[in-house]
Protein backbone atom coordinates (compact mmCIF):
# COMPACT_ATOMS: atom_id res chain seq x y z
CA MET A 1 17.93 46.98 -39.83
CA ALA A 2 16.90 46.13 -36.47
CA LEU A 3 15.28 42.77 -35.09
CA MET A 4 11.85 42.23 -35.65
CA ARG A 5 10.56 40.97 -32.73
CA VAL A 6 8.19 37.81 -33.29
CA VAL A 7 4.77 36.58 -31.52
CA ALA A 8 2.93 33.33 -32.52
CA LEU A 9 0.09 32.85 -31.33
CA GLU A 10 -1.52 28.70 -32.27
CA GLU A 11 1.50 26.93 -31.05
CA HIS A 12 0.50 23.38 -29.30
CA PHE A 13 1.44 21.46 -26.45
CA SER A 14 0.08 18.24 -24.85
CA HIS A 15 -0.18 17.22 -21.27
CA PRO A 16 -0.83 13.57 -19.98
CA ALA A 17 -3.85 14.43 -18.27
CA LEU A 18 -5.10 14.86 -21.48
CA ARG A 19 -3.36 12.57 -23.71
CA ASP A 20 -5.69 10.63 -26.15
CA PRO A 21 -3.77 6.95 -26.78
CA GLU A 22 -5.63 6.85 -29.98
CA LEU A 23 -4.43 9.68 -31.56
CA VAL A 24 -0.87 9.24 -30.14
CA ALA A 25 -0.86 5.61 -31.90
CA ARG A 26 -2.42 7.40 -34.87
CA LEU A 27 0.96 9.69 -35.16
CA ARG A 28 3.12 6.83 -34.38
CA GLU A 29 1.86 5.10 -37.12
CA HIS A 30 1.91 8.39 -39.88
CA PRO A 31 5.03 8.54 -41.67
CA ARG A 32 5.22 12.24 -41.57
CA MET A 33 3.75 12.78 -38.21
CA GLY A 34 5.99 10.64 -36.29
CA HIS A 35 8.01 13.62 -34.92
CA ILE A 36 4.70 15.27 -33.32
CA GLU A 37 4.35 13.63 -30.19
CA GLY A 38 7.32 14.41 -28.75
CA ALA A 39 7.61 17.73 -29.72
CA LEU A 40 3.67 18.31 -28.29
CA ALA A 41 4.86 17.26 -24.86
CA ASP A 42 8.85 19.21 -25.09
CA VAL A 43 7.66 22.46 -23.23
CA GLY A 44 11.67 23.20 -23.16
CA GLU A 45 14.77 23.16 -24.62
CA GLN A 46 14.11 21.73 -27.84
CA ARG A 47 11.24 23.95 -28.35
CA LEU A 48 12.83 27.01 -27.35
CA ALA A 49 15.71 26.14 -29.85
CA ASP A 50 13.40 25.18 -32.62
CA MET A 51 12.07 29.15 -32.02
CA ASP A 52 15.58 30.10 -31.41
CA ALA A 53 16.14 29.11 -35.34
CA ALA A 54 13.59 30.52 -36.98
CA GLY A 55 13.73 34.30 -34.98
CA ILE A 56 10.66 33.18 -33.15
CA ASP A 57 10.86 35.21 -29.62
CA VAL A 58 7.55 34.22 -27.81
CA GLN A 59 4.69 31.53 -28.76
CA VAL A 60 1.36 31.38 -26.92
CA LEU A 61 1.35 27.80 -25.96
CA SER A 62 -2.46 26.31 -25.79
CA HIS A 63 -3.66 22.44 -25.58
CA THR A 64 -3.38 20.52 -28.66
CA VAL A 65 -6.28 18.45 -29.88
CA PRO A 66 -8.33 17.21 -27.91
CA GLY A 67 -8.54 19.28 -25.14
CA ALA A 68 -10.87 19.30 -22.30
CA GLU A 69 -13.71 19.53 -24.46
CA GLY A 70 -13.65 15.19 -24.85
CA PRO A 71 -13.96 13.86 -21.08
CA ASP A 72 -16.83 13.39 -18.65
CA PRO A 73 -17.34 16.87 -16.94
CA GLU A 74 -16.04 15.51 -13.72
CA ARG A 75 -12.49 14.34 -15.64
CA ALA A 76 -12.77 17.56 -17.46
CA VAL A 77 -12.56 20.00 -14.47
CA ARG A 78 -9.53 18.18 -12.94
CA ALA A 79 -7.70 17.66 -16.25
CA ALA A 80 -7.94 21.62 -17.56
CA THR A 81 -7.27 22.89 -13.40
CA GLU A 82 -3.81 20.10 -13.64
CA VAL A 83 -3.39 21.39 -17.21
CA ASN A 84 -3.28 25.13 -16.82
CA ASP A 85 -1.30 24.94 -13.58
CA ALA A 86 1.53 22.98 -15.55
CA LEU A 87 0.94 25.72 -17.97
CA ALA A 88 1.52 28.69 -16.18
CA ALA A 89 4.63 27.15 -14.60
CA THR A 90 6.11 26.81 -17.70
CA VAL A 91 4.95 30.30 -18.76
CA ALA A 92 7.08 31.59 -15.72
CA ALA A 93 9.79 29.45 -16.04
CA HIS A 94 10.61 31.40 -19.27
CA PRO A 95 8.24 34.41 -18.98
CA SER A 96 9.85 36.37 -22.03
CA ARG A 97 9.53 33.45 -24.47
CA PHE A 98 5.98 31.67 -23.49
CA ALA A 99 2.71 33.03 -22.59
CA GLY A 100 -0.42 30.48 -22.29
CA PHE A 101 -3.92 30.24 -23.12
CA ALA A 102 -6.24 28.32 -20.26
CA THR A 103 -8.08 24.62 -21.66
CA LEU A 104 -11.86 24.90 -20.47
CA PRO A 105 -14.13 22.00 -18.84
CA MET A 106 -16.79 23.39 -21.67
CA GLN A 107 -19.35 20.60 -20.87
CA ASP A 108 -19.93 22.18 -17.51
CA PRO A 109 -19.88 26.13 -18.49
CA GLU A 110 -20.01 27.16 -15.04
CA GLN A 111 -17.23 25.65 -14.00
CA ALA A 112 -15.47 26.43 -17.03
CA ALA A 113 -16.17 30.06 -16.65
CA ALA A 114 -14.89 30.24 -13.23
CA GLU A 115 -11.77 28.08 -14.48
CA LEU A 116 -11.11 30.84 -16.88
CA GLU A 117 -11.46 33.59 -14.49
CA ARG A 118 -9.11 31.53 -12.32
CA ALA A 119 -6.85 30.98 -14.75
CA VAL A 120 -6.64 34.66 -15.92
CA ARG A 121 -6.40 36.38 -12.66
CA GLY A 122 -4.38 33.60 -11.06
CA LEU A 123 -2.28 32.21 -13.53
CA GLY A 124 -1.57 34.94 -15.84
CA LEU A 125 -2.73 33.45 -18.79
CA ARG A 126 -3.83 35.56 -21.65
CA GLY A 127 -7.48 34.05 -22.85
CA THR A 128 -8.74 30.67 -23.82
CA MET A 129 -8.51 28.13 -26.58
CA ILE A 130 -11.82 26.13 -27.47
CA ASN A 131 -11.58 23.46 -29.50
CA GLY A 132 -15.01 23.12 -31.81
CA LEU A 133 -18.40 22.09 -30.48
CA THR A 134 -18.86 20.22 -27.14
CA ALA A 135 -21.31 17.26 -27.19
CA GLY A 136 -22.13 18.26 -30.84
CA THR A 137 -23.11 22.13 -29.83
CA PHE A 138 -21.86 25.24 -30.88
CA LEU A 139 -20.94 28.22 -28.79
CA ASP A 140 -23.66 30.12 -29.51
CA ASP A 141 -26.03 28.12 -27.11
CA PRO A 142 -27.14 30.13 -24.53
CA ARG A 143 -25.45 27.33 -22.26
CA PHE A 144 -22.25 28.51 -23.21
CA MET A 145 -23.27 32.39 -22.14
CA PRO A 146 -21.35 32.25 -18.81
CA VAL A 147 -18.16 31.67 -20.96
CA LEU A 148 -18.57 33.98 -22.88
CA GLU A 149 -19.37 36.68 -20.25
CA CYS A 150 -16.29 35.93 -18.65
CA ALA A 151 -14.35 35.97 -21.21
CA GLN A 152 -15.51 39.57 -22.18
CA ASP A 153 -15.37 40.90 -18.24
CA LEU A 154 -11.70 40.13 -18.13
CA ASP A 155 -11.32 41.76 -21.39
CA VAL A 156 -9.07 38.49 -23.06
CA PRO A 157 -10.16 36.72 -26.25
CA ILE A 158 -11.50 33.19 -27.02
CA TYR A 159 -9.42 31.73 -29.75
CA LEU A 160 -11.92 29.08 -31.71
CA HIS A 161 -9.56 25.88 -32.83
CA PRO A 162 -11.56 23.32 -35.25
CA ALA A 163 -12.05 20.01 -33.24
CA LEU A 164 -12.51 16.27 -34.70
CA PRO A 165 -16.25 16.78 -36.80
CA PRO A 166 -18.77 15.18 -35.08
CA GLU A 167 -20.05 11.77 -36.04
CA PRO A 168 -23.27 11.79 -37.61
CA VAL A 169 -20.99 14.37 -39.75
CA ALA A 170 -18.22 12.52 -40.61
CA GLN A 171 -20.49 9.34 -42.10
CA ALA A 172 -22.57 11.59 -44.13
CA TYR A 173 -19.44 13.99 -45.34
CA TYR A 174 -16.11 11.64 -44.80
CA SER A 175 -16.82 7.64 -45.14
CA GLY A 176 -16.46 5.82 -47.79
CA LEU A 177 -12.91 6.99 -48.80
CA GLN A 178 -9.54 5.31 -48.18
CA PRO A 179 -9.54 5.87 -44.71
CA GLU A 180 -6.38 8.00 -44.09
CA VAL A 181 -7.68 10.11 -47.26
CA GLY A 182 -10.97 10.38 -45.32
CA ARG A 183 -9.42 11.22 -41.89
CA VAL A 184 -7.36 13.90 -43.35
CA LEU A 185 -10.08 15.30 -45.04
CA ALA A 186 -12.16 15.69 -42.03
CA MET A 187 -9.26 17.56 -40.74
CA ALA A 188 -6.55 19.79 -41.76
CA GLY A 189 -7.65 19.08 -45.82
CA TRP A 190 -11.19 20.56 -45.35
CA GLY A 191 -13.70 19.69 -42.51
CA TRP A 192 -11.66 21.61 -39.69
CA HIS A 193 -11.86 25.09 -41.44
CA ALA A 194 -15.00 24.37 -42.87
CA GLU A 195 -16.65 23.78 -39.23
CA ALA A 196 -14.47 26.62 -37.79
CA ALA A 197 -16.27 29.06 -40.48
CA LEU A 198 -19.74 27.84 -39.68
CA HIS A 199 -19.08 28.22 -35.82
CA THR A 200 -17.88 31.95 -36.63
CA LEU A 201 -20.67 32.80 -38.80
CA ARG A 202 -23.03 31.67 -36.39
CA LEU A 203 -21.71 33.62 -33.39
CA ILE A 204 -22.26 36.57 -35.71
CA VAL A 205 -25.94 35.87 -37.24
CA SER A 206 -27.25 34.44 -33.42
CA GLY A 207 -26.35 38.21 -32.37
CA ILE A 208 -23.76 36.95 -29.93
CA PHE A 209 -21.36 39.73 -30.43
CA ASP A 210 -24.58 42.03 -30.05
CA ARG A 211 -25.17 41.12 -26.82
CA LEU A 212 -21.73 41.01 -25.72
CA PRO A 213 -20.04 43.72 -27.53
CA ARG A 214 -16.46 43.73 -26.43
CA LEU A 215 -16.39 40.15 -26.66
CA GLN A 216 -13.10 39.49 -29.10
CA LEU A 217 -12.61 36.04 -31.23
CA ILE A 218 -9.39 34.87 -32.58
CA ILE A 219 -9.60 32.04 -35.64
CA GLY A 220 -6.76 30.30 -37.21
CA HIS A 221 -5.71 29.44 -40.99
CA MET A 222 -5.76 32.46 -42.65
CA GLY A 223 -9.26 33.04 -41.43
CA GLU A 224 -10.82 29.63 -42.04
CA MET A 225 -11.57 30.32 -45.56
CA ILE A 226 -13.74 33.14 -44.20
CA PRO A 227 -12.11 35.93 -46.07
CA PHE A 228 -12.36 34.42 -49.68
CA ALA A 229 -16.16 33.75 -49.11
CA LEU A 230 -17.01 37.24 -47.03
CA ASP A 231 -18.29 39.56 -50.14
CA ARG A 232 -20.90 36.61 -50.87
CA ILE A 233 -21.80 35.95 -47.10
CA ASP A 234 -22.98 39.79 -47.01
CA HIS A 235 -24.75 39.56 -49.72
CA VAL A 236 -26.44 36.41 -48.88
CA LEU A 237 -26.80 36.72 -45.02
CA THR A 238 -26.66 40.23 -44.16
CA PRO A 239 -30.54 41.64 -45.90
CA LEU A 240 -31.32 38.47 -43.71
CA THR A 241 -29.97 39.71 -40.28
CA PRO A 242 -31.87 43.42 -40.03
CA GLN A 243 -31.50 42.77 -36.41
CA LEU A 244 -27.77 42.63 -36.07
CA ARG A 245 -25.94 46.07 -34.91
CA GLN A 246 -24.13 46.37 -38.48
CA PRO A 247 -23.35 44.61 -41.37
CA ILE A 248 -21.69 41.05 -41.18
CA PRO A 249 -17.94 41.73 -42.62
CA GLU A 250 -18.10 44.92 -40.26
CA TYR A 251 -17.58 42.17 -36.76
CA PHE A 252 -14.48 41.33 -38.55
CA GLN A 253 -13.35 45.14 -37.67
CA THR A 254 -14.72 45.04 -34.41
CA ASN A 255 -14.88 41.50 -32.72
CA ILE A 256 -12.56 38.90 -34.61
CA HIS A 257 -9.64 38.77 -35.64
CA ILE A 258 -7.01 36.25 -37.60
CA THR A 259 -4.01 34.36 -37.71
CA THR A 260 -1.97 33.09 -40.15
CA SER A 261 -1.36 29.19 -38.74
CA GLY A 262 -0.87 26.26 -40.90
CA TYR A 263 -0.47 28.62 -43.92
CA THR A 264 2.76 29.53 -45.68
CA ALA A 265 1.55 31.06 -49.57
CA VAL A 266 1.39 34.69 -49.81
CA ALA A 267 -2.06 34.40 -51.89
CA PRO A 268 -4.28 33.45 -49.18
CA LEU A 269 -2.32 36.47 -46.99
CA GLN A 270 -2.98 39.16 -49.42
CA CYS A 271 -6.75 38.24 -49.86
CA ALA A 272 -7.10 38.38 -45.93
CA LEU A 273 -5.16 42.06 -46.11
CA SER A 274 -7.54 42.96 -48.69
CA VAL A 275 -10.50 41.95 -47.14
CA LEU A 276 -10.02 42.32 -43.57
CA GLY A 277 -6.92 44.85 -43.43
CA VAL A 278 -3.72 44.36 -41.57
CA ASP A 279 -4.71 45.10 -38.10
CA ARG A 280 -7.44 42.13 -37.72
CA ILE A 281 -4.18 39.75 -38.78
CA LEU A 282 -1.57 38.37 -36.04
CA PHE A 283 1.31 36.00 -37.11
CA SER A 284 1.05 31.79 -36.08
CA VAL A 285 2.56 28.89 -36.94
CA ASP A 286 0.40 26.02 -35.42
CA TYR A 287 4.08 24.43 -34.07
CA PRO A 288 4.70 21.41 -34.15
CA TYR A 289 2.50 20.39 -36.49
CA LEU A 290 4.04 22.93 -39.12
CA HIS A 291 7.84 23.94 -39.28
CA ASN A 292 8.61 27.36 -37.44
CA GLN A 293 10.95 28.24 -40.37
CA ALA A 294 8.09 28.20 -43.27
CA ALA A 295 5.59 30.10 -41.58
CA ARG A 296 8.53 33.07 -40.72
CA THR A 297 9.84 32.78 -44.15
CA LEU A 298 5.88 34.00 -45.21
CA LEU A 299 6.30 36.66 -43.10
CA ASP A 300 9.60 37.50 -44.13
CA THR A 301 8.93 37.67 -47.86
CA ALA A 302 5.48 38.68 -48.13
CA PRO A 303 5.13 41.91 -50.11
CA LEU A 304 4.10 44.34 -46.87
CA SER A 305 5.14 47.41 -45.55
CA SER A 306 7.76 47.54 -42.60
CA ALA A 307 5.16 48.53 -40.69
CA ASP A 308 2.80 46.36 -41.25
CA ARG A 309 5.20 43.60 -41.26
CA GLU A 310 5.57 44.75 -37.60
CA LYS A 311 1.85 44.93 -36.93
CA ILE A 312 1.16 41.14 -38.02
CA ALA A 313 4.64 40.06 -36.32
CA HIS A 314 3.78 41.14 -32.80
CA GLY A 315 2.07 44.25 -32.99
CA ASN A 316 -1.51 43.28 -32.79
CA ALA A 317 -0.89 40.62 -31.02
CA ASP A 318 0.59 42.96 -28.12
CA ARG A 319 -2.62 44.94 -28.28
CA LEU A 320 -4.39 42.17 -27.97
CA LEU A 321 -3.01 39.91 -25.29
CA ARG A 322 -1.48 42.73 -23.42
CA LEU A 323 1.65 40.84 -23.82
C-alpha cells in the first residue's frame, strides 16, 4: 500500500516578539505542560523528528495564543512583522515540511490587512490565524472588514482560533472554582469551543458570507461543537434570518471548513462526517498541545474509505491552501 501524505493544519509555535511571560510561567508550573514551552519554541530538529515519528509530512505553522491581537497597536504591528518574517524563514529552510499562517495586528485593521497582503504575496504564507476576539470585539464588527475583504481578494482562508475569554465573561462563567479547574474550563475544557462556535455563527447570521461570498473560514476542534448542534441551530435560527442567501447549515458547504485538531476519538469525527461531509474536514493535531501520534492514530483507524482518508489527510488541505 502506498504511503499516505499527511498535512496538519493547526500546529503551533512561539516567537520571542509575542511571548507572554505569565503564560510561560504557568506552563512551567503545570505538571503535564512543562514540556510545551520548549516544543513551541522549536521549529527545527526536534519538531521534524516528532513529525517523522508519526508520519506527518507537512505542518502549517501558526503562532500560539496569545498572538498579535493582544499588545498595543504599535507594538502589535512590529511584532506581527517580526513573527511573520521569522515564520517565512522557517518555511524557506524546510519548504517541503512547513507552510504558515500569518499573525496579524488586528487592533489596527488597516495595518492588519496590509500585513496579510505582505505575508501572502511577499512571504508566501497561506492565510492567517486570528485568535478569538480583539479588544472584546467579534470579527463581524464593520471595523474588521478590511481584513476580511483582503482575505477574500487574496483567496486565502482565515483560521479562527479560540482565545482567553474577556474578563467579564471569565468572572461571570468561570470564577468561584478551584483556580486551575476554572482556568481550564474557560479554555480547552469548554469555554474556548463555545466562544469559537458563537463567533462562527455570528459571522453567518450577520451576513458576512453574503457580503463576501468567496471568503473561506477554518475552525478547529472538530467544528467547535457545531456539528452536533447544527440541526437545532438550523431549526431555531434559519427562520429568523430570511435575509441570508441560504439556510445556515449550507454555509458549512460553501464557506466553512473544520479541522480535527485536539480530537482523538472516532465518535466526534463520525458526527462531523455525517453532518458536514468529508470534503469540509481537514486533519490537524494541535501540536505540541497534543501528541502527533494520538491524532495520527485517529486518522489511521477511523472507519473511512481510502479515498475519504486521503481527503482528510491531505487532499482537502492541498486544495484549500494550494499546497
